[in-house]
Amino acid sequence: MTLSDCFVSVVAPLHDDADIVEPFLTEVTHVLETHYANWELVLVDDDSTDTTVPRVLDLLTKFACVRLIRLSRNFGPEIAITAGLDSVIGDFAVVMMPDSDPPQLIPDLIARARSEVMGILSGIRPERARESSLFRSGARLFYWYANKFAHLDLPKNTTDFRVYSRQSVNAISRIKDQGRYLRTFSTYVGYHNATFVYEPIQRRAKPRTRGLVEAIALGFDMIVVSTTHPLRMATWMALSLSLLSAVHAGYVLVADLIAEDVPTPWAGLSLQMSAMFCFMFVILAVLSEYIGRLLGESSGRPLYYVAGEHSSSVLIADADRKNVVTDSIGELGTTESRRPPLGSGQ
């Protein structure tokens, strides 16, 4: 079998994945070495609290073309994936979740991305059978709002399983928003996008699931950081309330002038006051969310800090050409690199 000359990078975030990291590495490296002459697997540890890091360090002696990037603390999966994308050097980058995404799809996805001059290929789950009816209803409501009103063009039931071209990786790496949701970046950067439907696998007997409260918070965060539509809704709400208040004030004034005995409408007044305060607090909540995001974005802090990098004997086409660093320990920023130029040797 002739190996493809396309350089493929695979990025996988890790967090307390000691129990599944070896089978994941075994499957991914087998697929990559079977189909590509040049490839790399970049694992990003998001401050695991179990034995994930010692386990990976031990596996580096067994698997070639593997790198481990350790973040200084838990930044979340979106930032962990960003750290991996910032460091890859491949023509295409595949982002995978180690507990649910099948490596066997990589060759077909890369072939499709190459033939269709694809910018980003996004994975979609065919169904959400393992989730409750309340969870599924909330998800439908979120996608309906996100696409119809927020105009995010977010495919329904999209996942983190993606293929990025080199051009799209470079574009996304330039986005330094603190609130990062790579699913919304796919359409924002503007390159040719497409989707593929796949069936997730289960490497754990009990899959990790996101709780309802966590999912609601994630949905709010994605909307707030991606669109100003809630602010526009708050604006129209405030104008409507102002108009209603002006009409009511006019009615009270006219009634007081032309009527001798004006009864006090306690029920109507109480209802009006309750509605006014309700809408006012909704508006304040929306404003608070955006002010909080604005404060975070204005801080200018790096997205993440790297505690260290480790690599196996990562070679590309031949034994004299190495593409990544040896172990590095220290406080590295988001864009620092100690890799030599491709083909320079070490």
Protein backbone atom coordinates (compact mmCIF):
# COMPACT_ATOMS: atom_id res chain seq x y z
CA MET A 1 0.00 0.00 0.00
CA THR A 2 1.39 3.39 -1.04
CA LEU A 3 1.52 5.86 1.83
CA SER A 4 0.06 9.31 1.27
CA ASP A 5 2.47 12.25 1.24
CA CYS A 6 -0.09 14.37 3.12
CA PHE A 7 1.10 15.36 6.59
CA VAL A 8 -1.69 14.65 9.08
CA SER A 9 -1.78 15.93 12.65
CA VAL A 10 -4.21 14.55 15.22
CA VAL A 11 -5.08 16.57 18.34
CA ALA A 12 -6.75 14.95 21.36
CA PRO A 13 -7.47 16.70 24.70
CA LEU A 14 -7.02 14.56 27.80
CA HIS A 15 -8.50 14.94 31.27
CA ASP A 16 -8.46 11.98 33.64
CA ASP A 17 -8.25 9.54 30.73
CA ALA A 18 -5.69 7.09 32.10
CA ASP A 19 -8.08 4.19 31.59
CA ILE A 20 -8.54 4.72 27.84
CA VAL A 21 -5.40 6.47 26.62
CA GLU A 22 -3.52 3.32 25.61
CA PRO A 23 -6.26 1.80 23.42
CA PHE A 24 -6.80 5.23 21.91
CA LEU A 25 -3.10 5.61 21.06
CA THR A 26 -2.99 2.08 19.67
CA GLU A 27 -5.91 2.67 17.31
CA VAL A 28 -4.89 6.13 16.15
CA THR A 29 -1.23 5.35 15.53
CA HIS A 30 -2.14 2.16 13.64
CA VAL A 31 -4.45 4.11 11.31
CA LEU A 32 -1.93 6.90 10.76
CA GLU A 33 1.14 4.75 10.14
CA THR A 34 -0.87 2.56 7.77
CA HIS A 35 -1.96 5.45 5.56
CA TYR A 36 0.54 8.30 5.90
CA ALA A 37 4.29 8.71 5.62
CA ASN A 38 4.29 11.86 7.73
CA TRP A 39 2.06 12.27 10.76
CA GLU A 40 1.94 13.26 14.43
CA LEU A 41 -0.37 12.71 17.38
CA VAL A 42 -0.56 15.62 19.83
CA LEU A 43 -2.05 14.88 23.24
CA VAL A 44 -2.94 17.89 25.41
CA ASP A 45 -3.36 17.13 29.10
CA ASP A 46 -5.78 19.57 30.71
CA ASP A 47 -4.40 19.18 34.25
CA SER A 48 -5.54 15.63 34.89
CA THR A 49 -5.85 14.57 38.51
CA ASP A 50 -5.43 10.83 37.92
CA THR A 51 -2.45 8.95 36.43
CA THR A 52 -3.00 10.17 32.86
CA VAL A 53 0.34 11.98 32.58
CA PRO A 54 2.52 9.17 34.03
CA ARG A 55 0.66 6.73 31.81
CA VAL A 56 1.29 8.78 28.68
CA LEU A 57 4.94 9.30 29.58
CA ASP A 58 5.33 5.56 29.83
CA LEU A 59 3.59 5.07 26.48
CA LEU A 60 5.94 7.55 24.77
CA THR A 61 8.60 4.85 24.92
CA LYS A 62 6.29 2.51 23.04
CA PHE A 63 4.67 4.75 20.42
CA ALA A 64 6.49 6.93 17.90
CA CYS A 65 5.28 10.29 16.54
CA VAL A 66 3.46 11.21 19.75
CA ARG A 67 3.72 14.44 21.69
CA LEU A 68 2.34 15.36 25.09
CA ILE A 69 1.61 18.99 26.00
CA ARG A 70 0.82 19.57 29.68
CA LEU A 71 -1.17 22.68 30.57
CA SER A 72 -0.40 24.39 33.87
CA ARG A 73 -4.00 24.10 35.12
CA ASN A 74 -7.44 23.07 33.95
CA PHE A 75 -8.48 25.45 31.16
CA GLY A 76 -11.29 23.35 29.68
CA PRO A 77 -11.45 21.25 26.51
CA GLU A 78 -11.81 24.19 24.11
CA ILE A 79 -8.57 25.78 25.30
CA ALA A 80 -6.84 22.39 25.36
CA ILE A 81 -7.78 21.82 21.73
CA THR A 82 -6.60 25.35 20.92
CA ALA A 83 -3.22 24.60 22.50
CA GLY A 84 -2.94 21.52 20.30
CA LEU A 85 -3.93 23.39 17.13
CA ASP A 86 -1.40 26.11 17.93
CA SER A 87 1.41 23.54 17.86
CA VAL A 88 0.55 21.20 14.97
CA ILE A 89 2.47 21.39 11.71
CA GLY A 90 0.39 19.12 9.47
CA ASP A 91 -1.35 19.91 6.20
CA PHE A 92 -4.56 18.81 7.94
CA ALA A 93 -5.40 18.67 11.64
CA VAL A 94 -7.93 16.19 13.01
CA VAL A 95 -9.47 16.96 16.41
CA MET A 96 -10.78 13.92 18.26
CA MET A 97 -12.25 13.18 21.67
CA PRO A 98 -10.46 10.04 22.90
CA ASP A 99 -13.51 8.48 24.56
CA SER A 100 -15.98 8.71 21.67
CA ASP A 101 -14.50 9.41 18.21
CA PRO A 102 -13.53 6.52 15.86
CA PRO A 103 -10.01 6.81 14.36
CA GLN A 104 -10.96 4.52 11.47
CA LEU A 105 -12.74 7.45 9.80
CA ILE A 106 -9.58 9.57 9.51
CA PRO A 107 -8.40 8.38 6.04
CA ASP A 108 -11.80 8.91 4.41
CA LEU A 109 -12.22 12.31 6.04
CA ILE A 110 -8.77 13.48 4.96
CA ALA A 111 -9.40 12.23 1.42
CA ARG A 112 -12.69 14.12 1.29
CA ALA A 113 -11.11 17.30 2.67
CA ARG A 114 -8.36 17.10 0.04
CA SER A 115 -10.61 16.34 -2.92
CA GLU A 116 -13.21 18.98 -2.09
CA VAL A 117 -10.67 21.66 -1.06
CA MET A 118 -12.35 21.70 2.30
CA GLY A 119 -11.71 24.25 5.02
CA ILE A 120 -13.41 22.47 7.92
CA LEU A 121 -15.28 19.18 8.17
CA SER A 122 -17.51 18.92 11.25
CA GLY A 123 -18.87 15.71 12.75
CA ILE A 124 -22.54 15.26 13.59
CA ARG A 125 -24.16 12.68 15.84
CA PRO A 126 -27.17 11.01 14.19
CA GLU A 127 -29.21 11.02 17.40
CA ARG A 128 -29.16 11.77 21.13
CA ALA A 129 -30.71 8.52 22.31
CA ARG A 130 -28.79 8.37 25.61
CA GLU A 131 -30.08 11.76 26.76
CA SER A 132 -33.32 12.55 28.54
CA SER A 133 -36.33 14.01 26.71
CA LEU A 134 -35.86 17.28 28.63
CA PHE A 135 -32.24 17.46 27.52
CA ARG A 136 -33.15 16.76 23.89
CA SER A 137 -35.90 19.39 23.96
CA GLY A 138 -33.45 21.94 25.34
CA ALA A 139 -30.94 21.08 22.63
CA ARG A 140 -33.57 21.56 19.90
CA LEU A 141 -34.52 24.93 21.39
CA PHE A 142 -30.87 26.01 21.53
CA TYR A 143 -30.12 25.08 17.90
CA TRP A 144 -33.36 26.72 16.77
CA TYR A 145 -32.46 30.01 18.45
CA ALA A 146 -28.77 29.86 17.50
CA ASN A 147 -29.51 29.41 13.80
CA LYS A 148 -32.74 31.38 13.33
CA PHE A 149 -32.02 34.45 15.45
CA ALA A 150 -28.30 34.45 16.33
CA HIS A 151 -27.33 33.38 12.79
CA LEU A 152 -24.52 31.12 13.98
CA ASP A 153 -25.07 28.51 11.24
CA LEU A 154 -24.42 25.82 13.82
CA PRO A 155 -25.16 22.29 12.52
CA LYS A 156 -27.59 20.42 14.74
CA ASN A 157 -25.98 17.87 17.07
CA THR A 158 -22.47 18.87 16.02
CA THR A 159 -19.51 17.41 17.94
CA ASP A 160 -15.84 18.21 18.45
CA PHE A 161 -14.74 15.62 15.86
CA ARG A 162 -13.37 17.84 13.09
CA VAL A 163 -10.89 18.06 10.24
CA TYR A 164 -9.17 21.42 9.71
CA SER A 165 -7.13 22.44 6.70
CA ARG A 166 -3.83 24.20 7.27
CA GLN A 167 -5.40 27.49 6.22
CA SER A 168 -8.30 27.19 8.65
CA VAL A 169 -5.95 26.20 11.50
CA ASN A 170 -3.91 29.34 10.88
CA ALA A 171 -7.08 31.45 10.83
CA ILE A 172 -8.50 30.01 14.05
CA SER A 173 -5.14 30.35 15.82
CA ARG A 174 -5.32 34.10 15.20
CA ILE A 175 -8.58 34.38 17.16
CA LYS A 176 -7.66 35.14 20.76
CA ASP A 177 -11.11 35.40 22.31
CA GLN A 178 -11.12 34.24 25.92
CA GLY A 179 -14.51 32.63 25.42
CA ARG A 180 -13.67 30.02 22.81
CA TYR A 181 -16.19 27.70 21.22
CA LEU A 182 -14.61 26.13 18.18
CA ARG A 183 -17.97 24.95 16.88
CA THR A 184 -18.96 28.56 16.23
CA PHE A 185 -15.57 29.45 14.70
CA SER A 186 -16.05 27.02 11.81
CA THR A 187 -18.45 29.30 9.96
CA TYR A 188 -16.94 32.53 11.29
CA VAL A 189 -13.57 32.10 9.54
CA GLY A 190 -15.44 31.72 6.25
CA TYR A 191 -13.73 28.79 4.55
CA HIS A 192 -15.60 26.00 2.81
CA ASN A 193 -17.45 24.02 5.48
CA ALA A 194 -19.21 20.68 5.33
CA THR A 195 -20.46 18.03 7.74
CA PHE A 196 -20.30 14.27 8.08
CA VAL A 197 -22.53 11.99 10.11
CA TYR A 198 -20.90 9.30 12.21
CA GLU A 199 -21.75 6.98 15.06
CA PRO A 200 -19.71 7.73 18.22
CA ILE A 201 -18.04 4.81 19.95
CA GLN A 202 -17.78 4.07 23.68
CA ARG A 203 -14.36 3.40 25.12
CA ARG A 204 -15.80 3.53 28.63
CA ALA A 205 -18.45 1.29 30.10
CA LYS A 206 -20.11 4.41 31.52
CA PRO A 207 -19.74 7.36 29.11
CA ARG A 208 -19.18 10.81 30.52
CA THR A 209 -22.20 13.03 30.05
CA ARG A 210 -22.82 16.71 30.55
CA GLY A 211 -25.40 17.61 33.20
CA LEU A 212 -28.47 19.67 32.37
CA VAL A 213 -27.31 22.71 34.35
CA GLU A 214 -23.86 22.52 32.75
CA ALA A 215 -25.43 22.22 29.29
CA ILE A 216 -27.65 25.26 29.89
CA ALA A 217 -24.65 27.30 31.07
CA LEU A 218 -22.69 26.20 28.00
CA GLY A 219 -25.55 27.23 25.72
CA PHE A 220 -25.77 30.67 27.32
CA ASP A 221 -22.01 31.11 27.06
CA MET A 222 -21.94 30.15 23.37
CA ILE A 223 -24.70 32.65 22.57
CA VAL A 224 -23.20 35.49 24.60
CA VAL A 225 -19.68 35.18 23.18
CA SER A 226 -20.87 34.67 19.59
CA THR A 227 -23.63 37.22 19.00
CA THR A 228 -25.09 40.48 20.29
CA HIS A 229 -28.65 39.37 19.56
CA PRO A 230 -29.61 39.10 23.27
CA LEU A 231 -28.47 42.71 23.70
CA ARG A 232 -30.67 43.78 20.79
CA MET A 233 -33.59 41.93 22.38
CA ALA A 234 -32.91 43.77 25.65
CA THR A 235 -32.91 47.06 23.74
CA TRP A 236 -36.30 46.39 22.16
CA MET A 237 -37.65 45.18 25.48
CA ALA A 238 -36.54 48.38 27.19
CA LEU A 239 -38.07 50.54 24.45
CA SER A 240 -41.34 48.62 24.64
CA LEU A 241 -41.51 49.02 28.40
CA SER A 242 -40.74 52.73 28.08
CA LEU A 243 -43.56 53.12 25.56
CA LEU A 244 -46.03 51.25 27.75
CA SER A 245 -45.04 53.36 30.75
CA ALA A 246 -45.53 56.55 28.73
CA VAL A 247 -48.98 55.39 27.58
CA HIS A 248 -49.98 54.51 31.13
CA ALA A 249 -48.70 57.83 32.44
CA GLY A 250 -50.72 59.64 29.79
CA TYR A 251 -53.83 57.66 30.69
CA VAL A 252 -53.45 58.48 34.39
CA LEU A 253 -52.92 62.18 33.63
CA VAL A 254 -55.95 62.44 31.34
CA ALA A 255 -58.14 60.45 33.76
CA ASP A 256 -57.11 62.74 36.62
CA LEU A 257 -57.99 65.85 34.58
CA ILE A 258 -61.39 64.81 33.26
CA ALA A 259 -62.73 62.56 35.99
CA GLU A 260 -63.95 63.78 39.36
CA ASP A 261 -63.37 60.54 41.25
CA VAL A 262 -60.67 58.26 39.85
CA PRO A 263 -60.62 54.82 41.54
CA THR A 264 -57.23 53.40 42.30
CA PRO A 265 -56.69 50.32 40.05
CA TRP A 266 -54.74 48.28 42.61
CA ALA A 267 -54.84 45.02 40.65
CA GLY A 268 -53.80 46.62 37.37
CA LEU A 269 -51.12 48.70 39.04
CA SER A 270 -49.67 45.70 40.86
CA LEU A 271 -49.61 43.67 37.66
CA GLN A 272 -47.91 46.49 35.80
CA MET A 273 -45.28 46.96 38.49
CA SER A 274 -44.55 43.23 38.64
CA ALA A 275 -44.16 43.00 34.87
CA MET A 276 -41.93 46.09 34.79
CA PHE A 277 -39.62 44.78 37.49
CA CYS A 278 -39.50 41.35 35.84
CA PHE A 279 -38.42 42.79 32.51
CA MET A 280 -36.00 45.19 34.16
CA PHE A 281 -34.22 42.34 35.93
CA VAL A 282 -34.06 40.35 32.68
CA ILE A 283 -32.43 43.32 30.98
CA LEU A 284 -29.98 43.72 33.87
CA ALA A 285 -29.10 40.01 33.67
CA VAL A 286 -28.36 40.28 29.94
CA LEU A 287 -26.25 43.38 30.46
CA SER A 288 -24.37 41.74 33.33
CA GLU A 289 -23.44 38.76 31.14
CA TYR A 290 -22.03 40.98 28.41
CA ILE A 291 -20.22 43.28 30.83
CA GLY A 292 -18.63 40.23 32.44
CA ARG A 293 -17.50 38.93 29.03
CA LEU A 294 -16.17 42.36 28.10
CA LEU A 295 -14.13 42.46 31.31
CA GLY A 296 -12.65 39.06 30.55
CA GLU A 297 -11.75 39.96 26.99
CA SER A 298 -10.18 43.28 28.01
CA SER A 299 -7.79 41.61 30.47
CA GLY A 300 -5.42 40.64 27.64
CA ARG A 301 -4.25 37.48 29.37
CA PRO A 302 -2.83 34.54 27.41
CA LEU A 303 -5.32 31.79 26.63
CA TYR A 304 -3.24 29.14 28.38
CA TYR A 305 0.14 28.31 29.89
CA VAL A 306 2.18 25.24 29.06
CA ALA A 307 3.81 23.45 31.97
CA GLY A 308 5.89 21.19 29.77
CA GLU A 309 6.21 19.21 26.55
CA HIS A 310 7.34 15.65 26.08
CA SER A 311 7.79 13.65 22.91
CA SER A 312 8.64 10.19 21.74
CA SER A 313 11.14 9.64 18.93
CA VAL A 314 8.99 11.56 16.51
CA LEU A 315 10.28 11.16 12.99
CA ILE A 316 8.67 12.02 9.72
CA ALA A 317 9.75 10.55 6.39
CA ASP A 318 13.22 9.39 7.38
CA ALA A 319 15.47 9.00 10.38
CA ASP A 320 17.33 12.28 9.77
CA ARG A 321 14.29 14.57 9.77
CA LYS A 322 12.59 15.32 13.07
CA ASN A 323 9.61 17.58 13.44
CA VAL A 324 9.16 18.28 17.15
CA VAL A 325 11.10 19.23 20.23
CA THR A 326 12.56 16.94 22.81
CA ASP A 327 11.26 17.34 26.36
CA SER A 328 10.88 20.95 27.46
CA ILE A 329 10.00 22.16 30.92
CA GLY A 330 9.21 25.74 31.73
CA GLU A 331 6.63 28.47 31.54
CA LEU A 332 5.79 28.79 27.89
CA GLY A 333 3.22 31.19 26.54
CA THR A 334 0.63 30.57 23.91
CA THR A 335 2.85 31.01 20.85
CA GLU A 336 6.31 30.10 22.05
CA SER A 337 7.98 27.26 20.19
CA ARG A 338 11.29 25.45 20.48
CA ARG A 339 10.84 23.26 17.45
CA PRO A 340 13.60 23.43 14.83
CA PRO A 341 12.66 24.15 11.23
CA LEU A 342 11.42 21.13 9.32
CA GLY A 343 14.34 19.20 7.93
CA SER A 344 16.97 20.86 10.09
CA GLY A 345 17.65 17.78 12.22
CA GLN A 346 18.48 17.92 15.91
